Amino acid sequence: MKILALEHELDGATPEKFQQLARAEAAQAWELYQQGILRDLYFRADRHETVLVLESQDVESARQVLETLPLVKHGLITFELIPLVAYPGFARLF
């Protein structure tokens, strides 16, 4: 299942705290990408927050994976998780 994960910065997060964890965060994201769990990584154009696309069994599994990210572990960010399914609309037309 594809899961859309929208980052939300938590109260108390500072640029200095983000900087301290940036390298570890990137290393863990790269590991998840190599495992085929993290499929796409984006920054939003309207604010400095990430949008991730994960391949996961379900929302809870995706949540557990995201909890391995240092920025999540240290309480700087959280993610809103949205499960996605394939668009079935074409079947109604043909």
Protein backbone atom coordinates (compact mmCIF):
# COMPACT_ATOMS: atom_id res chain seq x y z
CA MET A 1 0.00 0.00 0.00
CA LYS A 2 1.20 3.50 -0.77
CA ILE A 3 1.14 5.93 2.13
CA LEU A 4 1.44 9.69 1.74
CA ALA A 5 3.23 11.20 4.75
CA LEU A 6 2.95 14.95 5.37
CA GLU A 7 5.46 16.39 7.83
CA HIS A 8 4.35 18.74 10.57
CA GLU A 9 6.89 20.60 12.68
CA LEU A 10 6.28 20.40 16.43
CA ASP A 11 6.53 23.16 19.00
CA GLY A 12 10.03 23.69 20.29
CA ALA A 13 11.74 22.71 17.05
CA THR A 14 14.57 25.10 16.20
CA PRO A 15 16.94 25.35 13.24
CA GLU A 16 19.80 24.41 15.58
CA LYS A 17 18.08 21.20 16.66
CA PHE A 18 17.33 20.29 13.06
CA GLN A 19 20.96 20.93 12.09
CA GLN A 20 22.26 18.67 14.85
CA LEU A 21 20.23 15.75 13.48
CA ALA A 22 20.38 16.49 9.75
CA ARG A 23 23.13 14.00 8.89
CA ALA A 24 21.55 11.17 10.90
CA GLU A 25 18.15 11.96 9.38
CA ALA A 26 19.54 11.81 5.85
CA ALA A 27 21.34 8.52 6.58
CA GLN A 28 18.16 6.90 7.90
CA ALA A 29 16.09 8.22 4.98
CA TRP A 30 18.68 6.79 2.58
CA GLU A 31 18.47 3.41 4.36
CA LEU A 32 14.68 3.36 4.06
CA TYR A 33 15.00 4.32 0.38
CA GLN A 34 17.45 1.47 -0.22
CA GLN A 35 15.01 -0.95 1.44
CA GLY A 36 12.24 0.11 -0.96
CA ILE A 37 10.09 1.51 1.86
CA LEU A 38 10.64 5.20 1.15
CA ARG A 39 9.74 5.66 -2.51
CA ASP A 40 9.69 9.43 -3.01
CA LEU A 41 10.88 12.45 -1.05
CA TYR A 42 9.77 16.01 -1.69
CA PHE A 43 9.75 19.42 -0.07
CA ARG A 44 6.55 21.39 -0.25
CA ALA A 45 6.82 24.49 -2.44
CA ASP A 46 4.77 26.60 -0.03
CA ARG A 47 6.63 25.79 3.22
CA HIS A 48 9.73 23.99 4.41
CA GLU A 49 8.19 20.61 5.20
CA THR A 50 8.66 17.21 3.62
CA VAL A 51 6.20 15.04 1.78
CA LEU A 52 7.08 11.36 1.61
CA VAL A 53 5.59 8.46 -0.31
CA LEU A 54 6.10 5.14 1.45
CA GLU A 55 5.37 1.57 0.43
CA SER A 56 4.04 -0.18 3.50
CA GLN A 57 1.70 -2.96 4.57
CA ASP A 58 -0.62 -0.50 6.32
CA VAL A 59 -0.70 2.87 8.08
CA GLU A 60 0.54 1.48 11.40
CA SER A 61 3.58 -0.14 9.73
CA ALA A 62 4.34 3.17 8.02
CA ARG A 63 4.07 4.97 11.37
CA GLN A 64 6.54 2.53 12.94
CA VAL A 65 9.00 3.08 10.09
CA LEU A 66 8.76 6.86 10.41
CA GLU A 67 9.45 6.59 14.14
CA THR A 68 12.97 5.41 13.21
CA LEU A 69 13.77 8.87 11.80
CA PRO A 70 15.89 10.93 14.23
CA LEU A 71 13.76 14.07 13.82
CA VAL A 72 10.69 12.07 14.85
CA LYS A 73 12.52 10.28 17.69
CA HIS A 74 13.64 13.62 19.14
CA GLY A 75 10.18 15.19 18.95
CA LEU A 76 10.91 17.80 16.29
CA ILE A 77 8.44 16.57 13.67
CA THR A 78 5.50 14.26 13.23
CA PHE A 79 3.73 12.97 10.14
CA GLU A 80 0.13 12.94 9.02
CA LEU A 81 -0.34 9.59 7.25
CA ILE A 82 -2.78 9.18 4.37
CA PRO A 83 -3.36 5.70 2.87
CA LEU A 84 -3.75 5.70 -0.91
CA VAL A 85 -5.47 3.30 -3.30
CA ALA A 86 -5.40 3.20 -7.08
CA TYR A 87 -7.91 5.47 -8.82
CA PRO A 88 -10.92 3.35 -9.89
CA GLY A 89 -12.71 6.08 -11.86
CA PHE A 90 -11.72 4.94 -15.34
CA ALA A 91 -13.60 1.66 -14.87
CA ARG A 92 -16.86 3.61 -14.69
CA LEU A 93 -16.21 5.10 -18.11
CA PHE A 94 -15.08 2.09 -20.13
